[in-house]
């Protein structure tokens, strides 16, 4: 049997396209989107080999005010207490190194963060807004935004029901078997 030509090809990196597959690719041609977590951000900011990437990104941002850097933070809900303070300082260090701490350049930054457990309603939702304001200051929303601005910046997800056909959730035991 021959495998179908379907969307599974998008599940793997394309080394002949625009994807930057390795850290070394990113160091040579800095991306305009960086997906990271606190551990990797800490490592990136402490390695001398990453300095060139940061410098080139800063130069790219300075070259045209329309250029925009997107920073995606994964597992945001884990950054609380001491670790949250460390996260906030690392974030600010990155923004300073990129020159994005200048209020005239805030528009060149887009912040996205994922969290599976950051509540956004009731009293816990209000605490989440305080947390976001403490972590990101004026970055991520319009400068001087109110609590409502922060609340409106949250995009909630919803739980998708598990398909009743549990067999569809399993890979075939025979590696030669083709999925249909």
N, C-alpha and C. Protein backbone atom coordinates (compact mmCIF):
# COMPACT_ATOMS: atom_id res chain seq x y z
N UNK A 1 0.83 -1.19 0.00
CA UNK A 1 0.00 0.00 0.00
C UNK A 1 0.87 1.24 0.00
N UNK A 2 0.39 2.25 -0.66
CA UNK A 2 1.12 3.50 -0.73
C UNK A 2 0.49 4.52 0.21
N UNK A 3 1.33 5.28 0.91
CA UNK A 3 0.83 6.30 1.83
C UNK A 3 0.16 7.42 1.05
N UNK A 4 -0.89 7.98 1.64
CA UNK A 4 -1.60 9.09 0.99
C UNK A 4 -0.79 10.38 1.11
N UNK A 5 -0.96 11.26 0.12
CA UNK A 5 -0.35 12.59 0.17
C UNK A 5 -1.36 13.51 0.84
N UNK A 6 -1.23 13.68 2.16
CA UNK A 6 -2.19 14.51 2.87
C UNK A 6 -1.45 15.53 3.73
N UNK A 7 -2.10 16.05 4.71
CA UNK A 7 -1.54 17.12 5.53
C UNK A 7 -0.45 16.67 6.50
N UNK A 8 -0.12 15.39 6.54
CA UNK A 8 0.93 14.95 7.46
C UNK A 8 2.28 15.56 7.12
N UNK A 9 2.46 15.98 5.90
CA UNK A 9 3.74 16.60 5.53
C UNK A 9 4.00 17.89 6.30
N UNK A 10 2.92 18.52 6.82
CA UNK A 10 3.09 19.76 7.58
C UNK A 10 3.48 19.50 9.03
N UNK A 11 3.55 18.24 9.43
CA UNK A 11 3.92 17.89 10.80
C UNK A 11 5.43 17.83 10.97
N UNK A 12 6.19 17.97 9.90
CA UNK A 12 7.63 17.84 9.96
C UNK A 12 8.30 19.10 9.41
N UNK A 13 9.47 19.46 9.93
CA UNK A 13 10.17 20.65 9.43
C UNK A 13 10.54 20.50 7.96
N UNK A 14 10.51 21.60 7.26
CA UNK A 14 10.91 21.62 5.86
C UNK A 14 12.25 22.33 5.76
N UNK A 15 13.30 21.57 5.47
CA UNK A 15 14.63 22.17 5.46
C UNK A 15 14.91 22.96 4.18
N UNK A 16 14.02 22.87 3.20
CA UNK A 16 14.23 23.61 1.96
C UNK A 16 13.31 24.84 1.86
N UNK A 17 12.66 25.17 2.95
CA UNK A 17 11.73 26.31 2.94
C UNK A 17 12.20 27.43 3.83
N UNK A 18 11.24 28.16 4.36
CA UNK A 18 11.54 29.31 5.20
C UNK A 18 11.70 29.00 6.68
N UNK A 19 11.57 27.72 7.04
CA UNK A 19 11.69 27.36 8.45
C UNK A 19 13.14 27.37 8.91
N UNK A 20 13.35 27.88 10.10
CA UNK A 20 14.66 27.81 10.74
C UNK A 20 14.60 26.60 11.67
N UNK A 21 15.34 25.57 11.32
CA UNK A 21 15.20 24.29 11.99
C UNK A 21 16.05 24.18 13.24
N UNK A 22 17.22 24.77 13.24
CA UNK A 22 18.13 24.62 14.37
C UNK A 22 18.48 25.97 14.99
N UNK A 23 19.03 25.91 16.18
CA UNK A 23 19.49 27.12 16.86
C UNK A 23 20.53 27.84 16.00
N UNK A 24 21.36 27.07 15.30
CA UNK A 24 22.41 27.66 14.47
C UNK A 24 21.81 28.41 13.29
N UNK A 25 20.71 27.91 12.73
CA UNK A 25 20.00 28.64 11.67
C UNK A 25 19.53 29.99 12.19
N UNK A 26 18.99 29.99 13.40
CA UNK A 26 18.47 31.24 13.98
C UNK A 26 19.59 32.23 14.29
N UNK A 27 20.75 31.72 14.65
CA UNK A 27 21.86 32.61 14.95
C UNK A 27 22.36 33.30 13.68
N UNK A 28 22.24 32.62 12.53
CA UNK A 28 22.69 33.21 11.27
C UNK A 28 21.63 34.14 10.67
N UNK A 29 20.37 33.76 10.78
CA UNK A 29 19.27 34.53 10.22
C UNK A 29 18.19 34.64 11.29
N UNK A 30 18.29 35.66 12.14
CA UNK A 30 17.37 35.77 13.27
C UNK A 30 15.90 35.78 12.83
N UNK A 31 15.08 35.06 13.56
CA UNK A 31 13.65 35.02 13.23
C UNK A 31 12.92 36.26 13.73
N UNK A 32 11.76 36.54 13.15
CA UNK A 32 10.94 37.63 13.68
C UNK A 32 9.90 37.08 14.66
N UNK A 33 9.84 35.76 14.81
CA UNK A 33 8.99 35.11 15.80
C UNK A 33 9.88 34.19 16.63
N UNK A 34 9.82 34.36 17.94
CA UNK A 34 10.59 33.51 18.84
C UNK A 34 9.63 32.86 19.82
N UNK A 35 9.60 31.54 19.81
CA UNK A 35 8.77 30.77 20.73
C UNK A 35 9.72 30.18 21.78
N UNK A 36 9.46 30.51 23.04
CA UNK A 36 10.39 30.09 24.07
C UNK A 36 9.66 29.87 25.39
N UNK A 37 10.40 29.41 26.36
CA UNK A 37 9.89 29.31 27.74
C UNK A 37 10.96 29.92 28.64
N UNK A 38 10.70 29.99 29.92
CA UNK A 38 11.62 30.66 30.84
C UNK A 38 13.00 30.03 30.83
N UNK A 39 13.07 28.71 30.79
CA UNK A 39 14.37 28.02 30.84
C UNK A 39 15.21 28.34 29.61
N UNK A 40 14.58 28.27 28.44
CA UNK A 40 15.33 28.53 27.21
C UNK A 40 15.67 30.01 27.06
N UNK A 41 14.78 30.89 27.51
CA UNK A 41 15.08 32.32 27.46
C UNK A 41 16.29 32.63 28.33
N UNK A 42 16.34 32.03 29.50
CA UNK A 42 17.48 32.19 30.39
C UNK A 42 18.76 31.70 29.73
N UNK A 43 18.71 30.52 29.12
CA UNK A 43 19.89 29.97 28.44
C UNK A 43 20.31 30.88 27.28
N UNK A 44 19.34 31.32 26.49
CA UNK A 44 19.64 32.15 25.33
C UNK A 44 20.31 33.46 25.74
N UNK A 45 19.83 34.07 26.82
CA UNK A 45 20.39 35.36 27.24
C UNK A 45 21.74 35.22 27.94
N UNK A 46 22.11 34.01 28.31
CA UNK A 46 23.39 33.83 29.00
C UNK A 46 24.49 33.28 28.09
N UNK A 47 24.14 32.88 26.87
CA UNK A 47 25.15 32.32 25.95
C UNK A 47 25.71 33.39 25.03
N UNK A 48 27.02 33.44 24.95
CA UNK A 48 27.67 34.41 24.06
C UNK A 48 27.31 34.13 22.60
N UNK A 49 27.05 32.87 22.26
CA UNK A 49 26.74 32.54 20.86
C UNK A 49 25.42 33.14 20.40
N UNK A 50 24.55 33.53 21.32
CA UNK A 50 23.27 34.11 20.95
C UNK A 50 23.35 35.63 20.74
N UNK A 51 24.44 36.25 21.16
CA UNK A 51 24.57 37.71 21.07
C UNK A 51 24.39 38.22 19.64
N UNK A 52 24.96 37.50 18.67
CA UNK A 52 24.84 37.93 17.28
C UNK A 52 23.38 37.93 16.84
N UNK A 53 22.63 36.91 17.24
CA UNK A 53 21.22 36.83 16.88
C UNK A 53 20.45 38.02 17.47
N UNK A 54 20.73 38.34 18.71
CA UNK A 54 20.05 39.45 19.37
C UNK A 54 20.42 40.77 18.71
N UNK A 55 21.71 40.95 18.40
CA UNK A 55 22.17 42.18 17.74
C UNK A 55 21.54 42.32 16.36
N UNK A 56 21.51 41.24 15.57
CA UNK A 56 20.91 41.30 14.24
C UNK A 56 19.41 41.58 14.32
N UNK A 57 18.74 41.02 15.30
CA UNK A 57 17.31 41.29 15.48
C UNK A 57 17.09 42.75 15.84
N UNK A 58 17.92 43.29 16.72
CA UNK A 58 17.81 44.71 17.09
C UNK A 58 18.03 45.60 15.86
N UNK A 59 19.05 45.29 15.06
CA UNK A 59 19.31 46.07 13.85
C UNK A 59 18.14 45.99 12.87
N UNK A 60 17.54 44.81 12.75
CA UNK A 60 16.39 44.62 11.87
C UNK A 60 15.22 45.47 12.35
N UNK A 61 14.99 45.48 13.65
CA UNK A 61 13.90 46.29 14.21
C UNK A 61 14.16 47.78 14.00
N UNK A 62 15.40 48.20 14.16
CA UNK A 62 15.75 49.61 13.99
C UNK A 62 15.68 50.05 12.53
N UNK A 63 15.83 49.10 11.60
CA UNK A 63 15.89 49.44 10.17
C UNK A 63 14.56 49.92 9.60
N UNK A 64 13.45 49.54 10.24
CA UNK A 64 12.14 49.93 9.71
C UNK A 64 11.13 49.86 10.87
N UNK A 65 10.46 50.96 11.17
CA UNK A 65 9.50 50.95 12.28
C UNK A 65 8.31 50.03 12.04
N UNK A 66 8.14 49.54 10.81
CA UNK A 66 7.06 48.59 10.53
C UNK A 66 7.44 47.16 10.89
N UNK A 67 8.74 46.90 11.12
CA UNK A 67 9.16 45.55 11.49
C UNK A 67 8.66 45.25 12.90
N UNK A 68 8.17 44.05 13.09
CA UNK A 68 7.57 43.67 14.36
C UNK A 68 8.14 42.33 14.82
N UNK A 69 8.57 42.28 16.06
CA UNK A 69 9.10 41.07 16.68
C UNK A 69 8.00 40.44 17.54
N UNK A 70 7.75 39.16 17.32
CA UNK A 70 6.72 38.45 18.08
C UNK A 70 7.40 37.48 19.03
N UNK A 71 7.11 37.62 20.31
CA UNK A 71 7.65 36.74 21.33
C UNK A 71 6.51 35.91 21.90
N UNK A 72 6.65 34.60 21.80
CA UNK A 72 5.64 33.67 22.30
C UNK A 72 6.23 32.96 23.52
N UNK A 73 5.57 33.13 24.66
CA UNK A 73 6.00 32.52 25.91
C UNK A 73 5.11 31.32 26.19
N UNK A 74 5.72 30.16 26.32
CA UNK A 74 4.98 28.94 26.61
C UNK A 74 4.91 28.70 28.12
N UNK A 75 3.84 28.11 28.56
CA UNK A 75 3.64 27.73 29.97
C UNK A 75 3.70 28.93 30.92
N UNK A 76 3.03 30.00 30.57
CA UNK A 76 3.07 31.22 31.37
C UNK A 76 2.61 31.00 32.81
N UNK A 77 1.63 30.13 33.01
CA UNK A 77 1.07 29.92 34.34
C UNK A 77 2.08 29.38 35.35
N UNK A 78 3.20 28.87 34.89
CA UNK A 78 4.21 28.33 35.80
C UNK A 78 5.10 29.43 36.39
N UNK A 79 5.01 30.64 35.87
CA UNK A 79 5.93 31.72 36.28
C UNK A 79 5.35 32.53 37.42
N UNK A 80 5.40 31.99 38.60
CA UNK A 80 4.87 32.67 39.79
C UNK A 80 5.96 32.74 40.85
N UNK A 81 5.76 33.60 41.84
CA UNK A 81 6.70 33.70 42.96
C UNK A 81 8.09 34.09 42.49
N UNK A 82 9.09 33.43 43.05
CA UNK A 82 10.49 33.73 42.71
C UNK A 82 10.75 33.50 41.24
N UNK A 83 10.23 32.41 40.70
CA UNK A 83 10.44 32.12 39.28
C UNK A 83 9.76 33.18 38.41
N UNK A 84 8.63 33.71 38.87
CA UNK A 84 7.96 34.78 38.13
C UNK A 84 8.78 36.05 38.10
N UNK A 85 9.44 36.34 39.21
CA UNK A 85 10.32 37.51 39.27
C UNK A 85 11.49 37.33 38.30
N UNK A 86 12.06 36.13 38.30
CA UNK A 86 13.16 35.83 37.37
C UNK A 86 12.68 35.98 35.93
N UNK A 87 11.49 35.47 35.64
CA UNK A 87 10.91 35.59 34.31
C UNK A 87 10.77 37.05 33.90
N UNK A 88 10.22 37.88 34.80
CA UNK A 88 10.02 39.30 34.49
C UNK A 88 11.35 39.99 34.19
N UNK A 89 12.37 39.69 34.98
CA UNK A 89 13.69 40.30 34.74
C UNK A 89 14.30 39.82 33.43
N UNK A 90 14.16 38.54 33.13
CA UNK A 90 14.70 38.02 31.86
C UNK A 90 13.97 38.65 30.68
N UNK A 91 12.65 38.78 30.79
CA UNK A 91 11.87 39.40 29.72
C UNK A 91 12.33 40.83 29.49
N UNK A 92 12.51 41.58 30.57
CA UNK A 92 12.95 42.96 30.44
C UNK A 92 14.37 43.05 29.88
N UNK A 93 15.23 42.13 30.28
CA UNK A 93 16.59 42.11 29.74
C UNK A 93 16.56 41.89 28.22
N UNK A 94 15.74 40.95 27.76
CA UNK A 94 15.61 40.72 26.32
C UNK A 94 15.10 41.98 25.62
N UNK A 95 14.08 42.61 26.18
CA UNK A 95 13.50 43.80 25.55
C UNK A 95 14.50 44.95 25.51
N UNK A 96 15.30 45.10 26.55
CA UNK A 96 16.33 46.14 26.57
C UNK A 96 17.38 45.83 25.49
N UNK A 97 17.82 44.58 25.42
CA UNK A 97 18.83 44.21 24.41
C UNK A 97 18.33 44.43 22.99
N UNK A 98 17.01 44.28 22.79
CA UNK A 98 16.43 44.49 21.46
C UNK A 98 16.06 45.95 21.22
N UNK A 99 16.20 46.80 22.23
CA UNK A 99 15.84 48.20 22.09
C UNK A 99 14.35 48.44 22.17
N UNK A 100 13.59 47.44 22.58
CA UNK A 100 12.14 47.56 22.63
C UNK A 100 11.62 48.14 23.93
N UNK A 101 12.54 48.51 24.82
CA UNK A 101 12.13 49.18 26.06
C UNK A 101 11.80 50.64 25.81
N UNK A 102 12.22 51.18 24.67
CA UNK A 102 11.92 52.56 24.29
C UNK A 102 10.42 52.66 23.97
N UNK A 103 9.67 53.50 24.69
CA UNK A 103 8.22 53.61 24.45
C UNK A 103 7.86 53.88 22.99
N UNK A 104 8.73 54.56 22.26
CA UNK A 104 8.45 54.85 20.84
C UNK A 104 8.53 53.59 19.98
N UNK A 105 9.07 52.50 20.56
CA UNK A 105 9.23 51.27 19.79
C UNK A 105 8.37 50.13 20.33
N UNK A 106 7.55 50.40 21.32
CA UNK A 106 6.68 49.35 21.88
C UNK A 106 5.80 48.71 20.82
N UNK A 107 5.41 49.49 19.82
CA UNK A 107 4.53 48.96 18.77
C UNK A 107 5.21 47.87 17.94
N UNK A 108 6.53 47.73 18.07
CA UNK A 108 7.25 46.73 17.30
C UNK A 108 7.33 45.38 18.03
N UNK A 109 6.62 45.26 19.11
CA UNK A 109 6.62 44.02 19.89
C UNK A 109 5.21 43.46 19.99
N UNK A 110 5.09 42.19 19.71
CA UNK A 110 3.86 41.45 19.95
C UNK A 110 4.18 40.36 20.94
N UNK A 111 3.43 40.28 22.00
CA UNK A 111 3.62 39.25 23.02
C UNK A 111 2.44 38.30 22.99
N UNK A 112 2.73 37.03 22.92
CA UNK A 112 1.72 36.00 23.04
C UNK A 112 2.18 35.05 24.13
N UNK A 113 1.27 34.56 24.90
CA UNK A 113 1.63 33.62 25.96
C UNK A 113 0.57 32.54 26.04
N UNK A 114 1.03 31.32 26.28
CA UNK A 114 0.08 30.22 26.43
C UNK A 114 0.04 29.79 27.88
N UNK A 115 -1.17 29.43 28.31
CA UNK A 115 -1.35 28.92 29.66
C UNK A 115 -2.54 28.00 29.67
N UNK A 116 -2.36 26.84 30.22
CA UNK A 116 -3.47 25.89 30.32
C UNK A 116 -4.29 26.12 31.59
N UNK A 117 -3.78 26.94 32.50
CA UNK A 117 -4.48 27.05 33.78
C UNK A 117 -4.46 28.45 34.37
N UNK A 118 -4.51 29.46 33.54
CA UNK A 118 -4.58 30.83 34.04
C UNK A 118 -6.05 31.27 33.96
N UNK A 119 -6.75 31.31 35.11
CA UNK A 119 -8.19 31.62 35.08
C UNK A 119 -8.44 33.04 34.61
N UNK A 120 -9.59 33.26 33.96
CA UNK A 120 -9.90 34.60 33.49
C UNK A 120 -11.29 35.08 33.87
N UNK A 121 -11.88 34.45 34.88
CA UNK A 121 -13.16 34.96 35.35
C UNK A 121 -13.23 34.91 36.87
N UNK A 122 -14.11 35.73 37.42
CA UNK A 122 -14.26 35.80 38.86
C UNK A 122 -13.06 36.43 39.55
N UNK A 123 -12.93 36.15 40.85
CA UNK A 123 -11.84 36.70 41.65
C UNK A 123 -10.48 36.20 41.15
N UNK A 124 -10.42 34.94 40.77
CA UNK A 124 -9.16 34.38 40.25
C UNK A 124 -8.77 35.06 38.93
N UNK A 125 -9.77 35.43 38.14
CA UNK A 125 -9.50 36.16 36.90
C UNK A 125 -8.89 37.52 37.17
N UNK A 126 -9.36 38.19 38.22
CA UNK A 126 -8.80 39.49 38.60
C UNK A 126 -7.34 39.33 39.04
N UNK A 127 -7.06 38.24 39.75
CA UNK A 127 -5.68 37.97 40.15
C UNK A 127 -4.81 37.67 38.93
N UNK A 128 -5.38 37.02 37.93
CA UNK A 128 -4.64 36.75 36.69
C UNK A 128 -4.27 38.05 35.99
N UNK A 129 -5.21 39.01 35.99
CA UNK A 129 -4.93 40.30 35.36
C UNK A 129 -3.81 41.02 36.11
N UNK A 130 -3.85 40.98 37.45
CA UNK A 130 -2.75 41.56 38.24
C UNK A 130 -1.43 40.90 37.86
N UNK A 131 -1.46 39.60 37.75
CA UNK A 131 -0.26 38.83 37.39
C UNK A 131 0.27 39.25 36.02
N UNK A 132 -0.62 39.37 35.05
CA UNK A 132 -0.19 39.77 33.70
C UNK A 132 0.39 41.18 33.70
N UNK A 133 -0.24 42.09 34.41
CA UNK A 133 0.26 43.47 34.48
C UNK A 133 1.63 43.51 35.15
N UNK A 134 1.80 42.72 36.21
CA UNK A 134 3.10 42.66 36.90
C UNK A 134 4.18 42.06 36.00
N UNK A 135 3.81 41.03 35.25
CA UNK A 135 4.80 40.34 34.42
C UNK A 135 5.20 41.14 33.19
N UNK A 136 4.22 41.80 32.54
CA UNK A 136 4.48 42.42 31.25
C UNK A 136 4.48 43.94 31.26
N UNK A 137 4.14 44.58 32.39
CA UNK A 137 4.09 46.04 32.48
C UNK A 137 3.24 46.58 31.33
N UNK A 138 3.77 47.53 30.55
CA UNK A 138 3.01 48.08 29.43
C UNK A 138 3.26 47.33 28.13
N UNK A 139 4.03 46.28 28.19
CA UNK A 139 4.27 45.50 26.97
C UNK A 139 3.10 44.55 26.77
N UNK A 140 2.67 44.39 25.55
CA UNK A 140 1.62 43.44 25.25
C UNK A 140 0.25 44.06 25.07
N UNK A 141 0.03 45.23 25.63
CA UNK A 141 -1.22 45.96 25.43
C UNK A 141 -0.86 47.42 25.17
N UNK A 142 -1.86 48.18 24.78
CA UNK A 142 -1.62 49.60 24.52
C UNK A 142 -1.12 50.29 25.79
N UNK A 143 -0.14 51.16 25.64
CA UNK A 143 0.47 51.85 26.78
C UNK A 143 -0.60 52.53 27.64
N UNK A 144 -0.50 52.32 28.96
CA UNK A 144 -1.44 52.92 29.89
C UNK A 144 -2.79 52.23 29.94
N UNK A 145 -2.86 51.00 29.44
CA UNK A 145 -4.14 50.29 29.42
C UNK A 145 -4.70 50.05 30.81
N UNK A 146 -6.01 50.04 30.89
CA UNK A 146 -6.71 49.78 32.14
C UNK A 146 -6.83 48.27 32.35
N UNK A 147 -7.41 47.89 33.47
CA UNK A 147 -7.65 46.47 33.76
C UNK A 147 -8.50 45.86 32.64
N UNK A 148 -9.46 46.64 32.14
CA UNK A 148 -10.33 46.13 31.07
C UNK A 148 -9.51 45.83 29.81
N UNK A 149 -8.52 46.68 29.53
CA UNK A 149 -7.65 46.43 28.38
C UNK A 149 -6.90 45.11 28.51
N UNK A 150 -6.43 44.84 29.72
CA UNK A 150 -5.75 43.56 29.96
C UNK A 150 -6.73 42.39 29.84
N UNK A 151 -7.92 42.57 30.40
CA UNK A 151 -8.92 41.50 30.32
C UNK A 151 -9.26 41.21 28.86
N UNK A 152 -9.40 42.25 28.05
CA UNK A 152 -9.74 42.07 26.63
C UNK A 152 -8.60 41.45 25.82
N UNK A 153 -7.39 41.51 26.36
CA UNK A 153 -6.25 40.92 25.65
C UNK A 153 -6.19 39.40 25.81
N UNK A 154 -6.95 38.87 26.74
CA UNK A 154 -6.94 37.42 26.97
C UNK A 154 -7.86 36.74 25.97
N UNK A 155 -7.33 35.76 25.29
CA UNK A 155 -8.11 34.95 24.37
C UNK A 155 -8.31 33.60 25.03
N UNK A 156 -9.55 33.31 25.40
CA UNK A 156 -9.84 32.06 26.10
C UNK A 156 -9.94 30.92 25.10
N UNK A 157 -9.57 29.78 25.58
CA UNK A 157 -9.79 28.57 24.80
C UNK A 157 -10.98 27.82 25.37
N UNK A 158 -11.40 26.84 24.68
CA UNK A 158 -12.46 26.00 25.22
C UNK A 158 -12.07 24.55 25.02
N UNK A 159 -12.55 23.74 25.91
CA UNK A 159 -12.23 22.32 25.87
C UNK A 159 -13.00 21.67 24.74
N UNK A 160 -12.28 20.96 23.90
CA UNK A 160 -12.90 20.22 22.81
C UNK A 160 -13.24 18.83 23.32
N UNK A 161 -14.44 18.34 23.04
CA UNK A 161 -14.79 17.00 23.51
C UNK A 161 -13.91 15.93 22.85
N UNK A 162 -13.64 14.90 23.60
CA UNK A 162 -12.86 13.78 23.08
C UNK A 162 -13.77 12.98 22.14
N UNK A 163 -13.26 12.63 20.96
CA UNK A 163 -14.10 11.84 20.04
C UNK A 163 -14.53 10.53 20.70
N UNK A 164 -15.77 10.12 20.42
CA UNK A 164 -16.26 8.89 21.02
C UNK A 164 -15.57 7.67 20.43
N UNK A 165 -15.01 7.81 19.23
CA UNK A 165 -14.29 6.70 18.60
C UNK A 165 -12.85 6.70 19.08
N UNK A 166 -12.58 6.04 20.20
CA UNK A 166 -11.24 6.03 20.78
C UNK A 166 -10.23 5.32 19.88
N UNK A 167 -10.68 4.50 18.97
CA UNK A 167 -9.76 3.82 18.06
C UNK A 167 -9.06 4.83 17.16
N UNK A 168 -9.72 5.95 16.89
CA UNK A 168 -9.12 6.97 16.03
C UNK A 168 -7.95 7.68 16.71
N UNK A 169 -7.81 7.50 18.03
CA UNK A 169 -6.76 8.17 18.77
C UNK A 169 -5.48 7.34 18.88
N UNK A 170 -5.47 6.13 18.32
CA UNK A 170 -4.32 5.24 18.46
C UNK A 170 -3.63 5.04 17.13
N UNK A 171 -2.31 4.95 17.18
CA UNK A 171 -1.53 4.63 15.99
C UNK A 171 -1.58 3.13 15.78
N UNK A 172 -1.45 2.68 14.55
CA UNK A 172 -1.47 1.24 14.30
C UNK A 172 -0.25 0.56 14.94
N UNK A 173 -0.44 -0.66 15.39
CA UNK A 173 0.65 -1.42 16.01
C UNK A 173 1.67 -1.86 14.98
N UNK A 174 1.22 -2.12 13.76
CA UNK A 174 2.12 -2.56 12.69
C UNK A 174 2.65 -1.31 11.98
N UNK A 175 3.94 -1.09 12.06
CA UNK A 175 4.54 0.13 11.48
C UNK A 175 4.40 0.17 9.97
N UNK A 176 4.13 -0.95 9.34
CA UNK A 176 3.95 -0.98 7.89
C UNK A 176 2.53 -0.67 7.48
N UNK A 177 1.62 -0.68 8.44
CA UNK A 177 0.22 -0.41 8.16
C UNK A 177 0.01 1.06 7.83
N UNK A 178 -0.79 1.34 6.82
CA UNK A 178 -1.07 2.71 6.40
C UNK A 178 -2.35 3.17 7.05
N UNK A 179 -2.32 4.37 7.62
CA UNK A 179 -3.55 4.94 8.20
C UNK A 179 -4.49 5.36 7.10
N UNK A 180 -5.75 5.08 7.29
CA UNK A 180 -6.76 5.51 6.29
C UNK A 180 -7.68 6.52 6.86
